[in-house]
């Protein structure tokens, strides 16, 4: 599920079970996102490392307002979207 105007970008890998789970929860909640695989996008991998103290931890979500959450619960995602006005 990818939309250029999505309120959140999810950085993932092809093997991340936490990513799969969060994508299913977000889809069930009707939350749109753009997905970027850090295994195939070096700039995205660098961005994730900057957001996570040098670690390539996924899922990392970057919101339209620039805030980031790493391996969040669906409640944390919904709360962040609500506070950012998305």
PDB file of N, CA and C in Angstrom:
ATOM      1  N   UNK A   1       0.865  -1.179   0.000  1.00  0.00           N
ATOM      2  CA  UNK A   1       0.000   0.000   0.000  1.00  0.00           C
ATOM      3  C   UNK A   1       0.896   1.220   0.000  1.00  0.00           C
ATOM      4  N   UNK A   2       0.821   2.003  -1.028  1.00  0.00           N
ATOM      5  CA  UNK A   2       1.709   3.136  -1.130  1.00  0.00           C
ATOM      6  C   UNK A   2       0.964   4.315  -1.733  1.00  0.00           C
ATOM      7  N   UNK A   3       1.139   5.468  -1.121  1.00  0.00           N
ATOM      8  CA  UNK A   3       0.503   6.674  -1.635  1.00  0.00           C
ATOM      9  C   UNK A   3       1.481   7.820  -1.478  1.00  0.00           C
ATOM     10  N   UNK A   4       1.722   8.597  -2.526  1.00  0.00           N
ATOM     11  CA  UNK A   4       2.707   9.670  -2.427  1.00  0.00           C
ATOM     12  C   UNK A   4       2.339  10.732  -1.411  1.00  0.00           C
ATOM     13  N   UNK A   5       1.070  10.881  -1.087  1.00  0.00           N
ATOM     14  CA  UNK A   5       0.649  11.886  -0.113  1.00  0.00           C
ATOM     15  C   UNK A   5       0.284  11.241   1.223  1.00  0.00           C
ATOM     16  N   UNK A   6       0.787  10.068   1.476  1.00  0.00           N
ATOM     17  CA  UNK A   6       0.484   9.375   2.727  1.00  0.00           C
ATOM     18  C   UNK A   6       0.992  10.184   3.910  1.00  0.00           C
ATOM     19  N   UNK A   7       0.256  10.150   5.033  1.00  0.00           N
ATOM     20  CA  UNK A   7       0.664  10.917   6.207  1.00  0.00           C
ATOM     21  C   UNK A   7       1.864  10.317   6.934  1.00  0.00           C
ATOM     22  N   UNK A   8       2.273   9.113   6.532  1.00  0.00           N
ATOM     23  CA  UNK A   8       3.387   8.446   7.205  1.00  0.00           C
ATOM     24  C   UNK A   8       4.134   7.578   6.198  1.00  0.00           C
ATOM     25  N   UNK A   9       5.453   7.513   6.384  1.00  0.00           N
ATOM     26  CA  UNK A   9       6.285   6.619   5.588  1.00  0.00           C
ATOM     27  C   UNK A   9       6.823   5.545   6.514  1.00  0.00           C
ATOM     28  N   UNK A  10       6.628   4.286   6.118  1.00  0.00           N
ATOM     29  CA  UNK A  10       7.108   3.161   6.912  1.00  0.00           C
ATOM     30  C   UNK A  10       8.353   2.583   6.245  1.00  0.00           C
ATOM     31  N   UNK A  11       9.444   2.562   7.002  1.00  0.00           N
ATOM     32  CA  UNK A  11      10.690   1.982   6.522  1.00  0.00           C
ATOM     33  C   UNK A  11      10.744   0.539   7.014  1.00  0.00           C
ATOM     34  N   UNK A  12      10.970  -0.395   6.082  1.00  0.00           N
ATOM     35  CA  UNK A  12      10.851  -1.812   6.368  1.00  0.00           C
ATOM     36  C   UNK A  12      12.018  -2.591   5.755  1.00  0.00           C
ATOM     37  N   UNK A  13      11.997  -3.904   5.985  1.00  0.00           N
ATOM     38  CA  UNK A  13      12.829  -4.850   5.249  1.00  0.00           C
ATOM     39  C   UNK A  13      11.909  -5.964   4.774  1.00  0.00           C
ATOM     40  N   UNK A  14      12.393  -6.790   3.875  1.00  0.00           N
ATOM     41  CA  UNK A  14      11.568  -7.872   3.336  1.00  0.00           C
ATOM     42  C   UNK A  14      11.326  -8.977   4.355  1.00  0.00           C
ATOM     43  N   UNK A  15      12.144  -9.086   5.389  1.00  0.00           N
ATOM     44  CA  UNK A  15      12.070 -10.184   6.346  1.00  0.00           C
ATOM     45  C   UNK A  15      11.501  -9.795   7.707  1.00  0.00           C
ATOM     46  N   UNK A  16      11.054  -8.572   7.872  1.00  0.00           N
ATOM     47  CA  UNK A  16      10.643  -8.044   9.181  1.00  0.00           C
ATOM     48  C   UNK A  16       9.208  -8.439   9.546  1.00  0.00           C
ATOM     49  N   UNK A  17       9.086  -9.333  10.509  1.00  0.00           N
ATOM     50  CA  UNK A  17       7.761  -9.758  10.971  1.00  0.00           C
ATOM     51  C   UNK A  17       6.997  -8.639  11.657  1.00  0.00           C
ATOM     52  N   UNK A  18       7.702  -7.774  12.390  1.00  0.00           N
ATOM     53  CA  UNK A  18       7.045  -6.640  13.049  1.00  0.00           C
ATOM     54  C   UNK A  18       6.450  -5.691  12.008  1.00  0.00           C
ATOM     55  N   UNK A  19       7.141  -5.560  10.867  1.00  0.00           N
ATOM     56  CA  UNK A  19       6.647  -4.700   9.785  1.00  0.00           C
ATOM     57  C   UNK A  19       5.349  -5.257   9.219  1.00  0.00           C
ATOM     58  N   UNK A  20       5.323  -6.556   8.966  1.00  0.00           N
ATOM     59  CA  UNK A  20       4.127  -7.210   8.427  1.00  0.00           C
ATOM     60  C   UNK A  20       2.948  -7.012   9.374  1.00  0.00           C
ATOM     61  N   UNK A  21       3.195  -7.215  10.666  1.00  0.00           N
ATOM     62  CA  UNK A  21       2.130  -7.070  11.663  1.00  0.00           C
ATOM     63  C   UNK A  21       1.601  -5.643  11.689  1.00  0.00           C
ATOM     64  N   UNK A  22       2.502  -4.655  11.707  1.00  0.00           N
ATOM     65  CA  UNK A  22       2.064  -3.268  11.770  1.00  0.00           C
ATOM     66  C   UNK A  22       1.323  -2.861  10.500  1.00  0.00           C
ATOM     67  N   UNK A  23       1.770  -3.335   9.340  1.00  0.00           N
ATOM     68  CA  UNK A  23       1.075  -3.011   8.093  1.00  0.00           C
ATOM     69  C   UNK A  23      -0.345  -3.559   8.119  1.00  0.00           C
ATOM     70  N   UNK A  24      -0.530  -4.771   8.633  1.00  0.00           N
ATOM     71  CA  UNK A  24      -1.876  -5.351   8.727  1.00  0.00           C
ATOM     72  C   UNK A  24      -2.762  -4.527   9.662  1.00  0.00           C
ATOM     73  N   UNK A  25      -2.206  -4.111  10.799  1.00  0.00           N
ATOM     74  CA  UNK A  25      -2.980  -3.308  11.751  1.00  0.00           C
ATOM     75  C   UNK A  25      -3.338  -1.948  11.155  1.00  0.00           C
ATOM     76  N   UNK A  26      -2.387  -1.317  10.482  1.00  0.00           N
ATOM     77  CA  UNK A  26      -2.656  -0.010   9.877  1.00  0.00           C
ATOM     78  C   UNK A  26      -3.697  -0.130   8.765  1.00  0.00           C
ATOM     79  N   UNK A  27      -3.601  -1.192   7.990  1.00  0.00           N
ATOM     80  CA  UNK A  27      -4.593  -1.402   6.931  1.00  0.00           C
ATOM     81  C   UNK A  27      -5.979  -1.579   7.546  1.00  0.00           C
ATOM     82  N   UNK A  28      -6.077  -2.362   8.612  1.00  0.00           N
ATOM     83  CA  UNK A  28      -7.357  -2.586   9.279  1.00  0.00           C
ATOM     84  C   UNK A  28      -7.935  -1.281   9.829  1.00  0.00           C
ATOM     85  N   UNK A  29      -7.062  -0.377  10.267  1.00  0.00           N
ATOM     86  CA  UNK A  29      -7.492   0.914  10.814  1.00  0.00           C
ATOM     87  C   UNK A  29      -7.730   1.963   9.725  1.00  0.00           C
ATOM     88  N   UNK A  30      -7.432   1.622   8.473  1.00  0.00           N
ATOM     89  CA  UNK A  30      -7.640   2.563   7.375  1.00  0.00           C
ATOM     90  C   UNK A  30      -6.579   3.648   7.286  1.00  0.00           C
ATOM     91  N   UNK A  31      -5.396   3.380   7.817  1.00  0.00           N
ATOM     92  CA  UNK A  31      -4.304   4.353   7.795  1.00  0.00           C
ATOM     93  C   UNK A  31      -3.460   4.112   6.544  1.00  0.00           C
ATOM     94  N   UNK A  32      -3.294   5.139   5.735  1.00  0.00           N
ATOM     95  CA  UNK A  32      -2.476   5.028   4.537  1.00  0.00           C
ATOM     96  C   UNK A  32      -1.018   5.275   4.880  1.00  0.00           C
ATOM     97  N   UNK A  33      -0.139   4.611   4.141  1.00  0.00           N
ATOM     98  CA  UNK A  33       1.286   4.825   4.340  1.00  0.00           C
ATOM     99  C   UNK A  33       2.020   4.580   3.037  1.00  0.00           C
ATOM    100  N   UNK A  34       3.200   5.151   2.961  1.00  0.00           N
ATOM    101  CA  UNK A  34       4.126   4.858   1.873  1.00  0.00           C
ATOM    102  C   UNK A  34       5.183   3.937   2.480  1.00  0.00           C
ATOM    103  N   UNK A  35       5.613   2.943   1.726  1.00  0.00           N
ATOM    104  CA  UNK A  35       6.579   1.981   2.238  1.00  0.00           C
ATOM    105  C   UNK A  35       7.898   2.089   1.486  1.00  0.00           C
ATOM    106  N   UNK A  36       8.994   2.064   2.250  1.00  0.00           N
ATOM    107  CA  UNK A  36      10.329   2.102   1.668  1.00  0.00           C
ATOM    108  C   UNK A  36      11.133   0.963   2.281  1.00  0.00           C
ATOM    109  N   UNK A  37      11.681   0.096   1.426  1.00  0.00           N
ATOM    110  CA  UNK A  37      12.492  -1.027   1.878  1.00  0.00           C
ATOM    111  C   UNK A  37      13.942  -0.555   2.010  1.00  0.00           C
ATOM    112  N   UNK A  38      14.468  -0.575   3.229  1.00  0.00           N
ATOM    113  CA  UNK A  38      15.825  -0.068   3.445  1.00  0.00           C
ATOM    114  C   UNK A  38      16.896  -1.002   2.892  1.00  0.00           C
ATOM    115  N   UNK A  39      16.522  -2.213   2.513  1.00  0.00           N
ATOM    116  CA  UNK A  39      17.482  -3.135   1.911  1.00  0.00           C
ATOM    117  C   UNK A  39      17.821  -2.725   0.479  1.00  0.00           C
ATOM    118  N   UNK A  40      16.910  -1.991  -0.147  1.00  0.00           N
ATOM    119  CA  UNK A  40      17.102  -1.608  -1.545  1.00  0.00           C
ATOM    120  C   UNK A  40      17.286  -0.110  -1.737  1.00  0.00           C
ATOM    121  N   UNK A  41      17.261   0.647  -0.644  1.00  0.00           N
ATOM    122  CA  UNK A  41      17.375   2.100  -0.727  1.00  0.00           C
ATOM    123  C   UNK A  41      18.389   2.569   0.314  1.00  0.00           C
ATOM    124  N   UNK A  42      19.617   2.832  -0.137  1.00  0.00           N
ATOM    125  CA  UNK A  42      20.697   3.190   0.785  1.00  0.00           C
ATOM    126  C   UNK A  42      20.411   4.479   1.540  1.00  0.00           C
ATOM    127  N   UNK A  43      19.806   5.453   0.883  1.00  0.00           N
ATOM    128  CA  UNK A  43      19.474   6.718   1.553  1.00  0.00           C
ATOM    129  C   UNK A  43      18.447   6.480   2.654  1.00  0.00           C
ATOM    130  N   UNK A  44      17.494   5.595   2.401  1.00  0.00           N
ATOM    131  CA  UNK A  44      16.491   5.271   3.413  1.00  0.00           C
ATOM    132  C   UNK A  44      17.140   4.569   4.603  1.00  0.00           C
ATOM    133  N   UNK A  45      18.078   3.675   4.333  1.00  0.00           N
ATOM    134  CA  UNK A  45      18.795   2.993   5.416  1.00  0.00           C
ATOM    135  C   UNK A  45      19.541   4.013   6.277  1.00  0.00           C
ATOM    136  N   UNK A  46      20.152   5.002   5.644  1.00  0.00           N
ATOM    137  CA  UNK A  46      20.853   6.054   6.388  1.00  0.00           C
ATOM    138  C   UNK A  46      19.877   6.859   7.248  1.00  0.00           C
ATOM    139  N   UNK A  47      18.705   7.168   6.688  1.00  0.00           N
ATOM    140  CA  UNK A  47      17.685   7.919   7.423  1.00  0.00           C
ATOM    141  C   UNK A  47      17.235   7.147   8.663  1.00  0.00           C
ATOM    142  N   UNK A  48      17.014   5.851   8.496  1.00  0.00           N
ATOM    143  CA  UNK A  48      16.591   5.007   9.616  1.00  0.00           C
ATOM    144  C   UNK A  48      17.690   4.959  10.683  1.00  0.00           C
ATOM    145  N   UNK A  49      18.930   4.856  10.252  1.00  0.00           N
ATOM    146  CA  UNK A  49      20.037   4.837  11.212  1.00  0.00           C
ATOM    147  C   UNK A  49      20.113   6.148  11.991  1.00  0.00           C
ATOM    148  N   UNK A  50      19.895   7.271  11.325  1.00  0.00           N
ATOM    149  CA  UNK A  50      19.911   8.568  12.013  1.00  0.00           C
ATOM    150  C   UNK A  50      18.785   8.665  13.034  1.00  0.00           C
ATOM    151  N   UNK A  51      17.627   8.098  12.708  1.00  0.00           N
ATOM    152  CA  UNK A  51      16.468   8.149  13.607  1.00  0.00           C
ATOM    153  C   UNK A  51      16.608   7.190  14.783  1.00  0.00           C
ATOM    154  N   UNK A  52      17.526   6.224  14.667  1.00  0.00           N
ATOM    155  CA  UNK A  52      17.625   5.162  15.677  1.00  0.00           C
ATOM    156  C   UNK A  52      19.026   4.995  16.249  1.00  0.00           C
ATOM    157  N   UNK A  53      19.728   6.073  16.423  1.00  0.00           N
ATOM    158  CA  UNK A  53      21.023   6.022  17.081  1.00  0.00           C
ATOM    159  C   UNK A  53      22.036   5.116  16.399  1.00  0.00           C
ATOM    160  N   UNK A  54      21.994   5.061  15.068  1.00  0.00           N
ATOM    161  CA  UNK A  54      22.944   4.263  14.314  1.00  0.00           C
ATOM    162  C   UNK A  54      22.480   2.857  13.982  1.00  0.00           C
ATOM    163  N   UNK A  55      21.290   2.489  14.430  1.00  0.00           N
ATOM    164  CA  UNK A  55      20.757   1.150  14.173  1.00  0.00           C
ATOM    165  C   UNK A  55      19.748   1.153  13.034  1.00  0.00           C
ATOM    166  N   UNK A  56      19.749   0.089  12.258  1.00  0.00           N
ATOM    167  CA  UNK A  56      18.768  -0.061  11.181  1.00  0.00           C
ATOM    168  C   UNK A  56      17.552  -0.816  11.720  1.00  0.00           C
ATOM    169  N   UNK A  57      16.852  -0.209  12.654  1.00  0.00           N
ATOM    170  CA  UNK A  57      15.708  -0.831  13.308  1.00  0.00           C
ATOM    171  C   UNK A  57      14.437  -0.537  12.516  1.00  0.00           C
ATOM    172  N   UNK A  58      13.694  -1.595  12.202  1.00  0.00           N
ATOM    173  CA  UNK A  58      12.437  -1.456  11.482  1.00  0.00           C
ATOM    174  C   UNK A  58      11.345  -2.227  12.215  1.00  0.00           C
ATOM    175  N   UNK A  59      10.093  -1.813  12.070  1.00  0.00           N
ATOM    176  CA  UNK A  59       9.666  -0.677  11.275  1.00  0.00           C
ATOM    177  C   UNK A  59       9.976   0.645  11.961  1.00  0.00           C
ATOM    178  N   UNK A  60      10.434   1.585  11.168  1.00  0.00           N
ATOM    179  CA  UNK A  60      10.576   2.972  11.593  1.00  0.00           C
ATOM    180  C   UNK A  60       9.588   3.771  10.778  1.00  0.00           C
ATOM    181  N   UNK A  61       8.753   4.549  11.455  1.00  0.00           N
ATOM    182  CA  UNK A  61       7.765   5.388  10.787  1.00  0.00           C
ATOM    183  C   UNK A  61       8.183   6.839  10.911  1.00  0.00           C
ATOM    184  N   UNK A  62       8.156   7.545   9.790  1.00  0.00           N
ATOM    185  CA  UNK A  62       8.421   8.984   9.775  1.00  0.00           C
ATOM    186  C   UNK A  62       7.123   9.658   9.344  1.00  0.00           C
ATOM    187  N   UNK A  63       6.649  10.574  10.157  1.00  0.00           N
ATOM    188  CA  UNK A  63       5.385  11.246   9.904  1.00  0.00           C
ATOM    189  C   UNK A  63       5.608  12.529   9.117  1.00  0.00           C
ATOM    190  N   UNK A  64       4.542  13.060   8.556  1.00  0.00           N
ATOM    191  CA  UNK A  64       4.623  14.252   7.709  1.00  0.00           C
ATOM    192  C   UNK A  64       5.239  15.438   8.453  1.00  0.00           C
ATOM    193  N   UNK A  65       5.071  15.482   9.771  1.00  0.00           N
ATOM    194  CA  UNK A  65       5.635  16.592  10.546  1.00  0.00           C
ATOM    195  C   UNK A  65       7.101  16.364  10.930  1.00  0.00           C
ATOM    196  N   UNK A  66       7.686  15.227  10.477  1.00  0.00           N
ATOM    197  CA  UNK A  66       9.088  14.953  10.732  1.00  0.00           C
ATOM    198  C   UNK A  66       9.362  14.099  11.960  1.00  0.00           C
ATOM    199  N   UNK A  67       8.346  13.825  12.760  1.00  0.00           N
ATOM    200  CA  UNK A  67       8.550  12.978  13.929  1.00  0.00           C
ATOM    201  C   UNK A  67       8.714  11.523  13.498  1.00  0.00           C
ATOM    202  N   UNK A  68       9.351  10.739  14.359  1.00  0.00           N
ATOM    203  CA  UNK A  68       9.622   9.341  14.055  1.00  0.00           C
ATOM    204  C   UNK A  68       9.212   8.450  15.225  1.00  0.00           C
ATOM    205  N   UNK A  69       8.741   7.254  14.889  1.00  0.00           N
ATOM    206  CA  UNK A  69       8.466   6.223  15.882  1.00  0.00           C
ATOM    207  C   UNK A  69       9.108   4.929  15.385  1.00  0.00           C
ATOM    208  N   UNK A  70       9.709   4.181  16.295  1.00  0.00           N
ATOM    209  CA  UNK A  70      10.328   2.914  15.941  1.00  0.00           C
ATOM    210  C   UNK A  70       9.560   1.770  16.586  1.00  0.00           C
ATOM    211  N   UNK A  71       9.157   0.819  15.753  1.00  0.00           N
ATOM    212  CA  UNK A  71       8.380  -0.345  16.176  1.00  0.00           C
ATOM    213  C   UNK A  71       7.227   0.051  17.104  1.00  0.00           C
ATOM    214  N   UNK A  72       6.393   0.999  16.644  1.00  0.00           N
ATOM    215  CA  UNK A  72       5.313   1.485  17.506  1.00  0.00           C
ATOM    216  C   UNK A  72       4.133   0.517  17.544  1.00  0.00           C
ATOM    217  N   UNK A  73       3.308   0.693  18.570  1.00  0.00           N
ATOM    218  CA  UNK A  73       2.018   0.011  18.603  1.00  0.00           C
ATOM    219  C   UNK A  73       1.061   0.774  17.678  1.00  0.00           C
ATOM    220  N   UNK A  74      -0.037   0.144  17.331  1.00  0.00           N
ATOM    221  CA  UNK A  74      -1.017   0.832  16.484  1.00  0.00           C
ATOM    222  C   UNK A  74      -1.603   2.029  17.242  1.00  0.00           C
ATOM    223  N   UNK A  75      -1.701   1.929  18.563  1.00  0.00           N
ATOM    224  CA  UNK A  75      -2.209   3.046  19.355  1.00  0.00           C
ATOM    225  C   UNK A  75      -1.251   4.239  19.277  1.00  0.00           C
ATOM    226  N   UNK A  76       0.056   3.970  19.298  1.00  0.00           N
ATOM    227  CA  UNK A  76       1.031   5.048  19.180  1.00  0.00           C
ATOM    228  C   UNK A  76       0.952   5.712  17.804  1.00  0.00           C
ATOM    229  N   UNK A  77       0.746   4.912  16.769  1.00  0.00           N
ATOM    230  CA  UNK A  77       0.613   5.468  15.416  1.00  0.00           C
ATOM    231  C   UNK A  77      -0.609   6.361  15.336  1.00  0.00           C
ATOM    232  N   UNK A  78      -1.735   5.884  15.835  1.00  0.00           N
ATOM    233  CA  UNK A  78      -2.977   6.667  15.793  1.00  0.00           C
ATOM    234  C   UNK A  78      -2.833   7.952  16.602  1.00  0.00           C
ATOM    235  N   UNK A  79      -2.192   7.871  17.755  1.00  0.00           N
ATOM    236  CA  UNK A  79      -1.993   9.055  18.595  1.00  0.00           C
ATOM    237  C   UNK A  79      -1.106  10.080  17.889  1.00  0.00           C
ATOM    238  N   UNK A  80      -0.024   9.620  17.266  1.00  0.00           N
ATOM    239  CA  UNK A  80       0.873  10.529  16.555  1.00  0.00           C
ATOM    240  C   UNK A  80       0.157  11.193  15.384  1.00  0.00           C
ATOM    241  N   UNK A  81      -0.623  10.433  14.650  1.00  0.00           N
ATOM    242  CA  UNK A  81      -1.368  11.007  13.522  1.00  0.00           C
ATOM    243  C   UNK A  81      -2.368  12.052  14.016  1.00  0.00           C
ATOM    244  N   UNK A  82      -3.028  11.771  15.132  1.00  0.00           N
ATOM    245  CA  UNK A  82      -3.997  12.716  15.679  1.00  0.00           C
ATOM    246  C   UNK A  82      -3.316  13.994  16.148  1.00  0.00           C
ATOM    247  N   UNK A  83      -2.155  13.865  16.785  1.00  0.00           N
ATOM    248  CA  UNK A  83      -1.467  15.055  17.290  1.00  0.00           C
ATOM    249  C   UNK A  83      -0.814  15.869  16.186  1.00  0.00           C
ATOM    250  N   UNK A  84      -0.543  15.235  15.045  1.00  0.00           N
ATOM    251  CA  UNK A  84       0.068  15.967  13.939  1.00  0.00           C
ATOM    252  C   UNK A  84      -0.975  16.515  12.968  1.00  0.00           C
ATOM    253  N   UNK A  85      -2.227  16.264  13.275  1.00  0.00           N
ATOM    254  CA  UNK A  85      -3.300  16.790  12.423  1.00  0.00           C
ATOM    255  C   UNK A  85      -3.501  16.044  11.123  1.00  0.00           C
ATOM    256  N   UNK A  86      -2.938  14.846  11.007  1.00  0.00           N
ATOM    257  CA  UNK A  86      -3.084  14.061   9.771  1.00  0.00           C
ATOM    258  C   UNK A  86      -4.403  13.337   9.729  1.00  0.00           C
TER     259      UNK A  86
END
